[in-house]
Amino acid sequence: MKLMTVGTSSLEMAVEQTGPDNGDPIVLLHGFPYDPRCFDGVIERIDDGTRRILVPYLRGFGPTRYRSAHSFRSGQQAALGNDVLELLDALRLDRATLVGYDWGGRAAAVVAALWPHRVRGLVCADGYPIQNISTSSMMPGDVELEHQQWYQWYFNMERGRAGLEKNRKAIAEKLWRLWSPGWFDAKLFEREAQSFENPDFVATAIHSYRHRYGNTPGDPALEPLERKLAEQPKITVPTIGFQGENDRVNPPSTSEGKEEMFTAHYERRLLPRVGHCAPQEAPEAMAQIIEDALRLTGSLG
């Protein structure tokens, strides 16, 4: 594995690469609050020596940095998706297989929806994760879901911003334990928690959780993309969705009935005894899903 820095319009993005530069590209995208270490077990299983496996640190995490002190510290979905597109551009990759969950799954889905010609296949958690911001502030979920998303309401208050700044590691550990009941790896958490010390971690996260409910403006430069996402574009690339049966923040019900949002091959797989972060909880199962997606897209041409 090698660590490199890839320049985009707003970031110096840190990216870990396993495999040769001319290999078939697979991009693995982590969520909040996690980092690339969550994919280590998956990479061990899918690295066959011919694939170019790329795992970026998302904006606000680890060694990834904004290029300017004046850059908008945005965590909105358009920013996350555009980062992936610009990563592909910078590396001169015509197409890649995209794999992600949580923030990373949303980023992958945004690219698949808006620039399908750049995506060979999609492996994505939570059904159709592109946010419908126009309705999010007016349409609550069921009571249990609202309860599990307490941290989002907390982050929408200044008290929550201060709390995340002061207690970022403790809050992240609390979320890990709540979202994946019965699973916690203390050593892995300590390794990933280092990425939360990024100086822009708090600003990026707070913006993400406020923008999705329409409680703060987005980056004006990304407004054209947000308008396209507001139309809830369908995904036209082959997709395998996955969901942990024990996910306590995005329970299986949140990914049900999403078939109409996909016009190519789509299937949904439930992972028993798995919580929110399937790559680190069930790397063997995730590796099998990725292998199946690669075979599927290969057979489709």
C-alpha atoms as a PDB file:
ATOM      1  CA  MET A   1       0.000   0.000   0.000  1.00  0.00           C
ATOM      2  CA  LYS A   2       1.221   3.481  -0.811  1.00  0.00           C
ATOM      3  CA  LEU A   3      -0.105   6.846   0.326  1.00  0.00           C
ATOM      4  CA  MET A   4      -0.311   9.624  -2.239  1.00  0.00           C
ATOM      5  CA  THR A   5      -1.762  13.106  -2.420  1.00  0.00           C
ATOM      6  CA  VAL A   6      -4.115  13.956  -5.275  1.00  0.00           C
ATOM      7  CA  GLY A   7      -5.034  17.562  -6.017  1.00  0.00           C
ATOM      8  CA  THR A   8      -8.650  18.491  -6.746  1.00  0.00           C
ATOM      9  CA  SER A   9     -10.209  21.931  -7.120  1.00  0.00           C
ATOM     10  CA  SER A  10     -10.601  22.318  -3.353  1.00  0.00           C
ATOM     11  CA  LEU A  11      -8.585  19.536  -1.701  1.00  0.00           C
ATOM     12  CA  GLU A  12      -5.206  17.960  -1.324  1.00  0.00           C
ATOM     13  CA  MET A  13      -6.766  14.534  -0.989  1.00  0.00           C
ATOM     14  CA  ALA A  14      -4.834  11.760   0.710  1.00  0.00           C
ATOM     15  CA  VAL A  15      -5.407   8.442  -1.051  1.00  0.00           C
ATOM     16  CA  GLU A  16      -4.135   4.976  -0.209  1.00  0.00           C
ATOM     17  CA  GLN A  17      -3.458   2.716  -3.183  1.00  0.00           C
ATOM     18  CA  THR A  18      -3.039  -1.042  -3.282  1.00  0.00           C
ATOM     19  CA  GLY A  19      -2.131  -2.633  -6.586  1.00  0.00           C
ATOM     20  CA  PRO A  20      -0.618  -1.427  -9.870  1.00  0.00           C
ATOM     21  CA  ASP A  21      -1.279   1.936 -11.511  1.00  0.00           C
ATOM     22  CA  ASN A  22      -2.656   0.212 -14.611  1.00  0.00           C
ATOM     23  CA  GLY A  23      -5.019  -2.062 -12.689  1.00  0.00           C
ATOM     24  CA  ASP A  24      -8.795  -2.183 -12.856  1.00  0.00           C
ATOM     25  CA  PRO A  25      -9.813   0.709 -10.537  1.00  0.00           C
ATOM     26  CA  ILE A  26     -11.974   0.144  -7.459  1.00  0.00           C
ATOM     27  CA  VAL A  27     -12.654   3.107  -5.180  1.00  0.00           C
ATOM     28  CA  LEU A  28     -13.615   2.372  -1.564  1.00  0.00           C
ATOM     29  CA  LEU A  29     -15.312   5.249   0.267  1.00  0.00           C
ATOM     30  CA  HIS A  30     -15.647   5.392   4.054  1.00  0.00           C
ATOM     31  CA  GLY A  31     -18.279   7.089   6.172  1.00  0.00           C
ATOM     32  CA  PHE A  32     -18.636   9.286   9.264  1.00  0.00           C
ATOM     33  CA  PRO A  33     -17.059   8.795  11.759  1.00  0.00           C
ATOM     34  CA  TYR A  34     -14.674   6.230  10.250  1.00  0.00           C
ATOM     35  CA  ASP A  35     -11.614   6.255   7.997  1.00  0.00           C
ATOM     36  CA  PRO A  36      -9.883   4.003   5.409  1.00  0.00           C
ATOM     37  CA  ARG A  37      -8.839   1.470   8.059  1.00  0.00           C
ATOM     38  CA  CYS A  38     -12.407   0.147   7.974  1.00  0.00           C
ATOM     39  CA  PHE A  39     -11.618  -1.410   4.569  1.00  0.00           C
ATOM     40  CA  ASP A  40      -8.379  -3.200   5.511  1.00  0.00           C
ATOM     41  CA  GLY A  41     -10.044  -6.609   5.839  1.00  0.00           C
ATOM     42  CA  VAL A  42     -11.878  -6.125   2.541  1.00  0.00           C
ATOM     43  CA  ILE A  43      -8.713  -5.158   0.679  1.00  0.00           C
ATOM     44  CA  GLU A  44      -6.917  -8.278   1.936  1.00  0.00           C
ATOM     45  CA  ARG A  45      -9.628 -10.342   0.282  1.00  0.00           C
ATOM     46  CA  ILE A  46     -10.068  -8.533  -3.047  1.00  0.00           C
ATOM     47  CA  ASP A  47      -6.424  -7.663  -3.784  1.00  0.00           C
ATOM     48  CA  ASP A  48      -5.412 -10.117  -6.511  1.00  0.00           C
ATOM     49  CA  GLY A  49      -2.369  -8.182  -7.687  1.00  0.00           C
ATOM     50  CA  THR A  50      -4.095  -6.824 -10.808  1.00  0.00           C
ATOM     51  CA  ARG A  51      -6.594  -4.365  -9.324  1.00  0.00           C
ATOM     52  CA  ARG A  52      -5.943  -0.722  -8.484  1.00  0.00           C
ATOM     53  CA  ILE A  53      -7.694  -0.299  -5.140  1.00  0.00           C
ATOM     54  CA  LEU A  54      -8.020   3.339  -4.075  1.00  0.00           C
ATOM     55  CA  VAL A  55      -9.171   4.432  -0.637  1.00  0.00           C
ATOM     56  CA  PRO A  56      -9.342   8.219  -0.154  1.00  0.00           C
ATOM     57  CA  TYR A  57      -9.627  10.024   3.146  1.00  0.00           C
ATOM     58  CA  LEU A  58     -12.803  12.062   2.711  1.00  0.00           C
ATOM     59  CA  ARG A  59     -12.767  15.821   3.228  1.00  0.00           C
ATOM     60  CA  GLY A  60     -12.290  16.614   6.901  1.00  0.00           C
ATOM     61  CA  PHE A  61     -10.573  13.296   7.692  1.00  0.00           C
ATOM     62  CA  GLY A  62      -6.989  12.267   8.288  1.00  0.00           C
ATOM     63  CA  PRO A  63      -4.297  13.890   6.132  1.00  0.00           C
ATOM     64  CA  THR A  64      -6.726  15.251   3.516  1.00  0.00           C
ATOM     65  CA  ARG A  65      -6.637  19.049   3.597  1.00  0.00           C
ATOM     66  CA  TYR A  66      -8.500  21.947   2.004  1.00  0.00           C
ATOM     67  CA  ARG A  67      -6.247  23.749  -0.431  1.00  0.00           C
ATOM     68  CA  SER A  68      -7.014  27.203   0.907  1.00  0.00           C
ATOM     69  CA  ALA A  69      -7.960  28.800   4.200  1.00  0.00           C
ATOM     70  CA  HIS A  70     -10.796  30.387   2.208  1.00  0.00           C
ATOM     71  CA  SER A  71     -12.199  27.114   0.843  1.00  0.00           C
ATOM     72  CA  PHE A  72     -15.795  26.418   1.836  1.00  0.00           C
ATOM     73  CA  ARG A  73     -15.759  23.724   4.517  1.00  0.00           C
ATOM     74  CA  SER A  74     -18.693  21.904   3.015  1.00  0.00           C
ATOM     75  CA  GLY A  75     -19.920  18.440   3.940  1.00  0.00           C
ATOM     76  CA  GLN A  76     -22.909  18.527   1.591  1.00  0.00           C
ATOM     77  CA  GLN A  77     -23.628  15.601  -0.713  1.00  0.00           C
ATOM     78  CA  ALA A  78     -22.669  17.508  -3.863  1.00  0.00           C
ATOM     79  CA  ALA A  79     -19.231  18.223  -2.397  1.00  0.00           C
ATOM     80  CA  LEU A  80     -18.631  14.582  -1.515  1.00  0.00           C
ATOM     81  CA  GLY A  81     -19.701  13.369  -4.947  1.00  0.00           C
ATOM     82  CA  ASN A  82     -17.757  16.053  -6.779  1.00  0.00           C
ATOM     83  CA  ASP A  83     -14.623  15.094  -4.829  1.00  0.00           C
ATOM     84  CA  VAL A  84     -14.882  11.549  -6.178  1.00  0.00           C
ATOM     85  CA  LEU A  85     -15.418  12.772  -9.727  1.00  0.00           C
ATOM     86  CA  GLU A  86     -12.405  15.074  -9.473  1.00  0.00           C
ATOM     87  CA  LEU A  87     -10.336  12.230  -8.023  1.00  0.00           C
ATOM     88  CA  LEU A  88     -11.146  10.126 -11.086  1.00  0.00           C
ATOM     89  CA  ASP A  89     -10.258  13.074 -13.321  1.00  0.00           C
ATOM     90  CA  ALA A  90      -6.962  13.736 -11.555  1.00  0.00           C
ATOM     91  CA  LEU A  91      -5.941  10.082 -11.862  1.00  0.00           C
ATOM     92  CA  ARG A  92      -7.158   9.956 -15.474  1.00  0.00           C
ATOM     93  CA  LEU A  93      -9.543   7.108 -14.790  1.00  0.00           C
ATOM     94  CA  ASP A  94     -12.312   6.840 -17.365  1.00  0.00           C
ATOM     95  CA  ARG A  95     -14.431   4.504 -15.208  1.00  0.00           C
ATOM     96  CA  ALA A  96     -14.220   2.849 -11.835  1.00  0.00           C
ATOM     97  CA  THR A  97     -16.213   0.553  -9.606  1.00  0.00           C
ATOM     98  CA  LEU A  98     -17.408   2.596  -6.623  1.00  0.00           C
ATOM     99  CA  VAL A  99     -18.010   1.069  -3.196  1.00  0.00           C
ATOM    100  CA  GLY A 100     -19.237   3.042  -0.198  1.00  0.00           C
ATOM    101  CA  TYR A 101     -21.399   3.351   2.893  1.00  0.00           C
ATOM    102  CA  ASP A 102     -22.675   6.309   4.923  1.00  0.00           C
ATOM    103  CA  TRP A 103     -21.022   9.504   3.565  1.00  0.00           C
ATOM    104  CA  GLY A 104     -19.012   7.376   1.148  1.00  0.00           C
ATOM    105  CA  GLY A 105     -22.079   5.566  -0.121  1.00  0.00           C
ATOM    106  CA  ARG A 106     -23.788   8.875  -0.759  1.00  0.00           C
ATOM    107  CA  ALA A 107     -20.730  10.171  -2.613  1.00  0.00           C
ATOM    108  CA  ALA A 108     -20.652   7.053  -4.790  1.00  0.00           C
ATOM    109  CA  ALA A 109     -24.380   7.279  -5.524  1.00  0.00           C
ATOM    110  CA  VAL A 110     -24.076  10.944  -6.512  1.00  0.00           C
ATOM    111  CA  VAL A 111     -21.394  10.096  -9.072  1.00  0.00           C
ATOM    112  CA  ALA A 112     -23.405   7.159 -10.378  1.00  0.00           C
ATOM    113  CA  ALA A 113     -26.529   9.324 -10.727  1.00  0.00           C
ATOM    114  CA  LEU A 114     -24.955  12.413 -12.291  1.00  0.00           C
ATOM    115  CA  TRP A 115     -22.027  10.935 -14.249  1.00  0.00           C
ATOM    116  CA  PRO A 116     -22.967   7.302 -14.955  1.00  0.00           C
ATOM    117  CA  HIS A 117     -20.454   7.031 -17.794  1.00  0.00           C
ATOM    118  CA  ARG A 118     -17.706   7.218 -15.163  1.00  0.00           C
ATOM    119  CA  VAL A 119     -19.024   4.305 -13.104  1.00  0.00           C
ATOM    120  CA  ARG A 120     -18.589   0.676 -14.081  1.00  0.00           C
ATOM    121  CA  GLY A 121     -20.629  -0.578 -11.149  1.00  0.00           C
ATOM    122  CA  LEU A 122     -21.915   0.603  -7.787  1.00  0.00           C
ATOM    123  CA  VAL A 123     -21.851  -1.149  -4.408  1.00  0.00           C
ATOM    124  CA  CYS A 124     -23.745   1.039  -2.003  1.00  0.00           C
ATOM    125  CA  ALA A 125     -25.316   0.883   1.448  1.00  0.00           C
ATOM    126  CA  ASP A 126     -28.737   2.156   2.476  1.00  0.00           C
ATOM    127  CA  GLY A 127     -30.684   1.749  -0.748  1.00  0.00           C
ATOM    128  CA  TYR A 128     -30.868   5.113  -2.525  1.00  0.00           C
ATOM    129  CA  PRO A 129     -28.842   7.428  -0.246  1.00  0.00           C
ATOM    130  CA  ILE A 130     -29.120  10.687  -2.199  1.00  0.00           C
ATOM    131  CA  GLN A 131     -30.767  13.176   0.135  1.00  0.00           C
ATOM    132  CA  ASN A 132     -34.038  14.897  -0.715  1.00  0.00           C
ATOM    133  CA  ILE A 133     -33.240  18.115   1.121  1.00  0.00           C
ATOM    134  CA  SER A 134     -36.453  19.856   0.079  1.00  0.00           C
ATOM    135  CA  THR A 135     -38.510  17.420   2.174  1.00  0.00           C
ATOM    136  CA  SER A 136     -36.048  16.387   4.883  1.00  0.00           C
ATOM    137  CA  SER A 137     -36.982  19.157   7.303  1.00  0.00           C
ATOM    138  CA  MET A 138     -40.732  18.452   7.011  1.00  0.00           C
ATOM    139  CA  MET A 139     -41.010  14.651   6.864  1.00  0.00           C
ATOM    140  CA  PRO A 140     -39.909  12.892  10.044  1.00  0.00           C
ATOM    141  CA  GLY A 141     -39.155   9.203  10.196  1.00  0.00           C
ATOM    142  CA  ASP A 142     -40.686   6.816  12.675  1.00  0.00           C
ATOM    143  CA  VAL A 143     -40.040   7.409  16.345  1.00  0.00           C
ATOM    144  CA  GLU A 144     -37.242   4.845  16.661  1.00  0.00           C
ATOM    145  CA  LEU A 145     -35.387   6.306  13.678  1.00  0.00           C
ATOM    146  CA  GLU A 146     -35.728   9.836  15.067  1.00  0.00           C
ATOM    147  CA  HIS A 147     -34.373   8.583  18.387  1.00  0.00           C
ATOM    148  CA  GLN A 148     -31.348   6.933  16.761  1.00  0.00           C
ATOM    149  CA  GLN A 149     -30.510  10.118  14.883  1.00  0.00           C
ATOM    150  CA  TRP A 150     -30.184  12.203  18.048  1.00  0.00           C
ATOM    151  CA  TYR A 151     -26.635  13.227  17.072  1.00  0.00           C
ATOM    152  CA  GLN A 152     -27.934  14.980  13.942  1.00  0.00           C
ATOM    153  CA  TRP A 153     -30.237  17.228  15.956  1.00  0.00           C
ATOM    154  CA  TYR A 154     -27.390  17.831  18.431  1.00  0.00           C
ATOM    155  CA  PHE A 155     -25.069  18.918  15.610  1.00  0.00           C
ATOM    156  CA  ASN A 156     -27.691  21.390  14.408  1.00  0.00           C
ATOM    157  CA  MET A 157     -27.217  23.381  17.623  1.00  0.00           C
ATOM    158  CA  GLU A 158     -24.195  25.470  18.553  1.00  0.00           C
ATOM    159  CA  ARG A 159     -23.991  23.318  21.685  1.00  0.00           C
ATOM    160  CA  GLY A 160     -23.479  20.356  19.367  1.00  0.00           C
ATOM    161  CA  ARG A 161     -20.715  22.094  17.442  1.00  0.00           C
ATOM    162  CA  ALA A 162     -18.926  22.848  20.703  1.00  0.00           C
ATOM    163  CA  GLY A 163     -19.552  19.309  21.910  1.00  0.00           C
ATOM    164  CA  LEU A 164     -18.067  17.735  18.789  1.00  0.00           C
ATOM    165  CA  GLU A 165     -15.061  20.054  19.010  1.00  0.00           C
ATOM    166  CA  LYS A 166     -14.445  19.144  22.633  1.00  0.00           C
ATOM    167  CA  ASN A 167     -15.466  15.475  22.580  1.00  0.00           C
ATOM    168  CA  ARG A 168     -14.939  14.320  18.995  1.00  0.00           C
ATOM    169  CA  LYS A 169     -13.362  10.996  19.992  1.00  0.00           C
ATOM    170  CA  ALA A 170     -15.907  10.225  22.723  1.00  0.00           C
ATOM    171  CA  ILE A 171     -18.849  11.058  20.444  1.00  0.00           C
ATOM    172  CA  ALA A 172     -17.423   8.886  17.675  1.00  0.00           C
ATOM    173  CA  GLU A 173     -17.027   5.959  20.055  1.00  0.00           C
ATOM    174  CA  LYS A 174     -20.579   6.420  21.291  1.00  0.00           C
ATOM    175  CA  LEU A 175     -21.861   6.340  17.707  1.00  0.00           C
ATOM    176  CA  TRP A 176     -19.851   3.226  16.845  1.00  0.00           C
ATOM    177  CA  ARG A 177     -21.270   1.398  19.861  1.00  0.00           C
ATOM    178  CA  LEU A 178     -24.847   2.535  19.257  1.00  0.00           C
ATOM    179  CA  TRP A 179     -24.880   1.846  15.527  1.00  0.00           C
ATOM    180  CA  SER A 180     -23.267  -1.599  15.714  1.00  0.00           C
ATOM    181  CA  PRO A 181     -24.660  -3.250  18.846  1.00  0.00           C
ATOM    182  CA  GLY A 182     -22.598  -6.198  19.986  1.00  0.00           C
ATOM    183  CA  TRP A 183     -19.579  -5.188  17.874  1.00  0.00           C
ATOM    184  CA  PHE A 184     -16.705  -2.962  18.921  1.00  0.00           C
ATOM    185  CA  ASP A 185     -12.980  -3.231  18.212  1.00  0.00           C
ATOM    186  CA  ALA A 186     -11.112  -0.949  20.597  1.00  0.00           C
ATOM    187  CA  LYS A 187      -7.762  -1.185  18.780  1.00  0.00           C
ATOM    188  CA  LEU A 188      -9.329  -0.427  15.406  1.00  0.00           C
ATOM    189  CA  PHE A 189     -11.237   2.490  16.884  1.00  0.00           C
ATOM    190  CA  GLU A 190      -8.038   3.993  18.308  1.00  0.00           C
ATOM    191  CA  ARG A 191      -6.417   3.789  14.883  1.00  0.00           C
ATOM    192  CA  GLU A 192      -9.349   5.361  13.051  1.00  0.00           C
ATOM    193  CA  ALA A 193      -9.890   8.039  15.697  1.00  0.00           C
ATOM    194  CA  GLN A 194      -6.592   9.619  14.677  1.00  0.00           C
ATOM    195  CA  SER A 195      -8.341  10.796  11.508  1.00  0.00           C
ATOM    196  CA  PHE A 196     -10.829  12.812  13.543  1.00  0.00           C
ATOM    197  CA  GLU A 197      -8.020  15.172  14.626  1.00  0.00           C
ATOM    198  CA  ASN A 198      -8.086  16.767  11.177  1.00  0.00           C
ATOM    199  CA  PRO A 199      -8.433  20.540  11.760  1.00  0.00           C
ATOM    200  CA  ASP A 200     -11.503  20.670   9.508  1.00  0.00           C
ATOM    201  CA  PHE A 201     -13.251  17.563  10.834  1.00  0.00           C
ATOM    202  CA  VAL A 202     -15.729  19.498  12.967  1.00  0.00           C
ATOM    203  CA  ALA A 203     -16.527  22.225  10.447  1.00  0.00           C
ATOM    204  CA  THR A 204     -17.095  19.708   7.647  1.00  0.00           C
ATOM    205  CA  ALA A 205     -19.257  17.398   9.763  1.00  0.00           C
ATOM    206  CA  ILE A 206     -21.360  20.200  11.212  1.00  0.00           C
ATOM    207  CA  HIS A 207     -22.005  21.598   7.738  1.00  0.00           C
ATOM    208  CA  SER A 208     -23.029  18.159   6.483  1.00  0.00           C
ATOM    209  CA  TYR A 209     -25.641  17.644   9.192  1.00  0.00           C
ATOM    210  CA  ARG A 210     -27.025  21.159   8.962  1.00  0.00           C
ATOM    211  CA  HIS A 211     -27.150  21.407   5.179  1.00  0.00           C
ATOM    212  CA  ARG A 212     -29.114  18.175   4.754  1.00  0.00           C
ATOM    213  CA  TYR A 213     -31.996  19.725   6.723  1.00  0.00           C
ATOM    214  CA  GLY A 214     -31.810  23.098   4.994  1.00  0.00           C
ATOM    215  CA  ASN A 215     -30.441  24.799   8.107  1.00  0.00           C
ATOM    216  CA  THR A 216     -27.350  26.293   6.489  1.00  0.00           C
ATOM    217  CA  PRO A 217     -26.475  27.364   2.932  1.00  0.00           C
ATOM    218  CA  GLY A 218     -24.366  25.174   0.705  1.00  0.00           C
ATOM    219  CA  ASP A 219     -21.297  26.083  -1.282  1.00  0.00           C
ATOM    220  CA  PRO A 220     -22.540  28.429  -4.057  1.00  0.00           C
ATOM    221  CA  ALA A 221     -20.179  26.766  -6.516  1.00  0.00           C
ATOM    222  CA  LEU A 222     -22.005  23.465  -5.979  1.00  0.00           C
ATOM    223  CA  GLU A 223     -25.533  24.812  -6.299  1.00  0.00           C
ATOM    224  CA  PRO A 224     -25.984  23.555  -9.909  1.00  0.00           C
ATOM    225  CA  LEU A 225     -25.197  20.032  -8.723  1.00  0.00           C
ATOM    226  CA  GLU A 226     -27.545  20.322  -5.751  1.00  0.00           C
ATOM    227  CA  ARG A 227     -30.358  21.380  -8.088  1.00  0.00           C
ATOM    228  CA  LYS A 228     -29.801  18.223 -10.128  1.00  0.00           C
ATOM    229  CA  LEU A 229     -29.778  16.094  -6.981  1.00  0.00           C
ATOM    230  CA  ALA A 230     -33.003  17.727  -5.839  1.00  0.00           C
ATOM    231  CA  GLU A 231     -34.660  16.066  -8.828  1.00  0.00           C
ATOM    232  CA  GLN A 232     -33.786  12.686  -7.247  1.00  0.00           C
ATOM    233  CA  PRO A 233     -32.128  11.325 -10.407  1.00  0.00           C
ATOM    234  CA  LYS A 234     -32.349   7.610 -10.992  1.00  0.00           C
ATOM    235  CA  ILE A 235     -29.208   5.505 -11.016  1.00  0.00           C
ATOM    236  CA  THR A 236     -28.587   3.842 -14.352  1.00  0.00           C
ATOM    237  CA  VAL A 237     -25.526   1.713 -13.572  1.00  0.00           C
ATOM    238  CA  PRO A 238     -25.561  -1.887 -12.254  1.00  0.00           C
ATOM    239  CA  THR A 239     -25.875  -1.769  -8.474  1.00  0.00           C
ATOM    240  CA  ILE A 240     -25.676  -4.130  -5.536  1.00  0.00           C
ATOM    241  CA  GLY A 241     -27.028  -2.577  -2.374  1.00  0.00           C
ATOM    242  CA  PHE A 242     -26.231  -3.857   1.093  1.00  0.00           C
ATOM    243  CA  GLN A 243     -27.630  -3.305   4.559  1.00  0.00           C
ATOM    244  CA  GLY A 244     -26.647  -4.548   7.987  1.00  0.00           C
ATOM    245  CA  GLU A 245     -29.612  -6.199   9.697  1.00  0.00           C
ATOM    246  CA  ASN A 246     -28.428  -4.776  13.038  1.00  0.00           C
ATOM    247  CA  ASP A 247     -27.755  -1.261  11.740  1.00  0.00           C
ATOM    248  CA  ARG A 248     -29.257   0.989  14.405  1.00  0.00           C
ATOM    249  CA  VAL A 249     -28.935   4.320  12.579  1.00  0.00           C
ATOM    250  CA  ASN A 250     -30.090   3.257   9.101  1.00  0.00           C
ATOM    251  CA  PRO A 251     -32.167   0.146   9.856  1.00  0.00           C
ATOM    252  CA  PRO A 252     -33.157  -2.229   7.050  1.00  0.00           C
ATOM    253  CA  SER A 253     -36.513  -0.480   6.652  1.00  0.00           C
ATOM    254  CA  THR A 254     -34.734   2.596   5.277  1.00  0.00           C
ATOM    255  CA  SER A 255     -33.489   0.675   2.229  1.00  0.00           C
ATOM    256  CA  GLU A 256     -36.731  -1.112   1.419  1.00  0.00           C
ATOM    257  CA  GLY A 257     -38.741  -0.313  -1.707  1.00  0.00           C
ATOM    258  CA  LYS A 258     -35.977   1.566  -3.528  1.00  0.00           C
ATOM    259  CA  GLU A 259     -35.974  -0.557  -6.667  1.00  0.00           C
ATOM    260  CA  GLU A 260     -37.723   2.104  -8.726  1.00  0.00           C
ATOM    261  CA  MET A 261     -34.697   4.420  -8.297  1.00  0.00           C
ATOM    262  CA  PHE A 262     -32.486   2.037 -10.304  1.00  0.00           C
ATOM    263  CA  THR A 263     -32.952   1.383 -14.011  1.00  0.00           C
ATOM    264  CA  ALA A 264     -30.160  -1.194 -14.527  1.00  0.00           C
ATOM    265  CA  HIS A 265     -29.510  -4.353 -12.540  1.00  0.00           C
ATOM    266  CA  TYR A 266     -30.294  -3.806  -8.864  1.00  0.00           C
ATOM    267  CA  GLU A 267     -30.298  -6.159  -5.926  1.00  0.00           C
ATOM    268  CA  ARG A 268     -30.377  -5.618  -2.178  1.00  0.00           C
ATOM    269  CA  ARG A 269     -28.541  -7.859   0.249  1.00  0.00           C
ATOM    270  CA  LEU A 270     -29.151  -7.958   3.986  1.00  0.00           C
ATOM    271  CA  LEU A 271     -26.172  -8.905   6.131  1.00  0.00           C
ATOM    272  CA  PRO A 272     -27.148 -10.830   9.280  1.00  0.00           C
ATOM    273  CA  ARG A 273     -25.631  -9.795  12.627  1.00  0.00           C
ATOM    274  CA  VAL A 274     -24.003  -6.760  10.993  1.00  0.00           C
ATOM    275  CA  GLY A 275     -24.416  -3.157  12.121  1.00  0.00           C
ATOM    276  CA  HIS A 276     -23.718   0.127  10.379  1.00  0.00           C
ATOM    277  CA  CYS A 277     -20.148  -0.352   9.149  1.00  0.00           C
ATOM    278  CA  ALA A 278     -20.287  -3.552   7.146  1.00  0.00           C
ATOM    279  CA  PRO A 279     -16.728  -3.358   5.737  1.00  0.00           C
ATOM    280  CA  GLN A 280     -15.095  -3.591   9.147  1.00  0.00           C
ATOM    281  CA  GLU A 281     -17.706  -5.831  10.767  1.00  0.00           C
ATOM    282  CA  ALA A 282     -18.084  -8.327   7.915  1.00  0.00           C
ATOM    283  CA  PRO A 283     -15.133  -7.944   5.523  1.00  0.00           C
ATOM    284  CA  GLU A 284     -15.599 -11.404   4.015  1.00  0.00           C
ATOM    285  CA  ALA A 285     -19.231 -10.696   3.131  1.00  0.00           C
ATOM    286  CA  MET A 286     -18.343  -7.284   1.725  1.00  0.00           C
ATOM    287  CA  ALA A 287     -15.520  -8.729  -0.339  1.00  0.00           C
ATOM    288  CA  GLN A 288     -17.944 -11.279  -1.805  1.00  0.00           C
ATOM    289  CA  ILE A 289     -20.395  -8.512  -2.738  1.00  0.00           C
ATOM    290  CA  ILE A 290     -17.619  -6.600  -4.492  1.00  0.00           C
ATOM    291  CA  GLU A 291     -16.484  -9.724  -6.353  1.00  0.00           C
ATOM    292  CA  ASP A 292     -20.073 -10.357  -7.442  1.00  0.00           C
ATOM    293  CA  ALA A 293     -20.401  -6.769  -8.637  1.00  0.00           C
ATOM    294  CA  LEU A 294     -17.201  -7.057 -10.663  1.00  0.00           C
ATOM    295  CA  ARG A 295     -18.418 -10.280 -12.287  1.00  0.00           C
ATOM    296  CA  LEU A 296     -21.808  -8.715 -12.963  1.00  0.00           C
ATOM    297  CA  THR A 297     -20.418  -5.644 -14.685  1.00  0.00           C
ATOM    298  CA  GLY A 298     -17.913  -7.744 -16.573  1.00  0.00           C
ATOM    299  CA  SER A 299     -20.678  -9.932 -17.946  1.00  0.00           C
ATOM    300  CA  LEU A 300     -22.690  -6.868 -18.937  1.00  0.00           C
ATOM    301  CA  GLY A 301     -19.737  -5.383 -20.826  1.00  0.00           C
END
